[in-house]
Amino acid sequence: MGYNLIPLIKPRTIPPLDDSFRPAVLWNHAFLDGVRNSKKSVPLSIAIKKEDDSISVYKTQIFSDKSNRRVGQSIAAACLPLLKGF
């Protein structure tokens, strides 16, 4: 994909066994901060229906302008495999 609009964030505490480790949660927080600060966000909800007919819903925000829409859609697509295990 090659999207690097938000750089990986270096954690405050560096793990001794992997000094290049960058937690995904720090990138996610930076992305959501960027979306909120842009004042051009739109809501995104992803619903997954499970075998027992229960439904899990993940709600977030993505960029609304066309230049950043592909990034938001890519992130949403990346979330789907994670939500499948809900």
Protein backbone atom coordinates (compact mmCIF):
# COMPACT_ATOMS: atom_id res chain seq x y z
CA MET A 1 0.00 0.00 0.00
CA GLY A 2 2.78 2.45 0.77
CA TYR A 3 0.75 4.99 2.76
CA ASN A 4 2.93 6.87 5.21
CA LEU A 5 0.96 10.06 5.89
CA ILE A 6 1.44 9.65 9.63
CA PRO A 7 4.90 8.51 10.72
CA LEU A 8 5.35 5.71 13.21
CA ILE A 9 5.50 7.09 16.75
CA LYS A 10 8.43 6.24 18.97
CA PRO A 11 7.28 5.05 22.43
CA ARG A 12 8.48 6.82 25.58
CA THR A 13 9.98 3.58 26.89
CA ILE A 14 12.07 1.65 24.40
CA PRO A 15 11.86 -2.15 24.80
CA PRO A 16 15.35 -3.54 25.43
CA LEU A 17 14.94 -6.44 22.98
CA ASP A 18 13.64 -4.35 20.05
CA ASP A 19 14.67 -0.70 19.87
CA SER A 20 12.80 -0.24 16.58
CA PHE A 21 9.43 -1.36 18.03
CA ARG A 22 6.60 1.10 17.29
CA PRO A 23 3.23 0.20 18.88
CA ALA A 24 0.31 0.36 16.45
CA VAL A 25 -1.85 2.04 19.09
CA LEU A 26 0.41 5.14 19.01
CA TRP A 27 -0.01 5.41 15.23
CA ASN A 28 -3.78 4.93 15.60
CA HIS A 29 -3.98 7.74 18.17
CA ALA A 30 -1.97 10.04 15.89
CA PHE A 31 -4.22 9.18 12.93
CA LEU A 32 -7.42 9.86 14.89
CA ASP A 33 -5.97 13.14 16.23
CA GLY A 34 -5.20 14.15 12.64
CA VAL A 35 -8.74 13.29 11.55
CA ARG A 36 -10.28 15.28 14.42
CA ASN A 37 -7.98 18.28 13.90
CA SER A 38 -8.74 18.38 10.17
CA LYS A 39 -12.38 19.30 10.90
CA LYS A 40 -13.13 17.28 7.74
CA SER A 41 -14.11 13.97 9.28
CA VAL A 42 -17.00 11.65 8.62
CA PRO A 43 -18.22 8.80 10.79
CA LEU A 44 -17.41 5.23 9.84
CA SER A 45 -19.20 2.26 11.37
CA ILE A 46 -18.37 -1.36 10.67
CA ALA A 47 -20.84 -4.03 11.78
CA ILE A 48 -20.04 -7.72 11.92
CA LYS A 49 -22.77 -10.32 12.34
CA LYS A 50 -21.61 -13.41 14.22
CA GLU A 51 -22.77 -16.99 13.88
CA ASP A 52 -25.03 -16.61 16.95
CA ASP A 53 -26.76 -13.64 15.22
CA SER A 54 -25.22 -11.11 17.60
CA ILE A 55 -23.76 -8.02 15.99
CA SER A 56 -20.50 -6.26 16.91
CA VAL A 57 -20.15 -2.64 15.84
CA TYR A 58 -16.90 -0.65 15.56
CA LYS A 59 -17.37 3.13 15.25
CA THR A 60 -14.62 5.57 14.29
CA GLN A 61 -13.94 8.66 12.16
CA ILE A 62 -12.10 8.98 8.85
CA PHE A 63 -11.06 11.90 6.64
CA SER A 64 -13.86 13.18 4.41
CA ASP A 65 -11.81 14.92 1.72
CA LYS A 66 -10.90 12.89 -1.37
CA SER A 67 -7.13 13.16 -0.92
CA ASN A 68 -7.28 11.23 2.35
CA ARG A 69 -10.32 9.02 1.69
CA ARG A 70 -8.22 6.15 0.31
CA VAL A 71 -6.19 6.07 3.52
CA GLY A 72 -9.32 5.91 5.66
CA GLN A 73 -10.79 3.17 3.50
CA SER A 74 -7.55 1.23 3.68
CA ILE A 75 -7.56 1.46 7.46
CA ALA A 76 -11.19 0.34 7.53
CA ALA A 77 -10.31 -2.61 5.32
CA ALA A 78 -7.43 -3.47 7.60
CA CYS A 79 -9.78 -3.49 10.60
CA LEU A 80 -12.10 -6.12 9.12
CA PRO A 81 -9.91 -9.15 9.87
CA LEU A 82 -9.46 -7.90 13.43
CA LEU A 83 -13.19 -7.46 13.94
CA LYS A 84 -13.98 -10.90 12.57
CA GLY A 85 -12.88 -12.43 15.88
CA PHE A 86 -15.22 -10.23 17.95
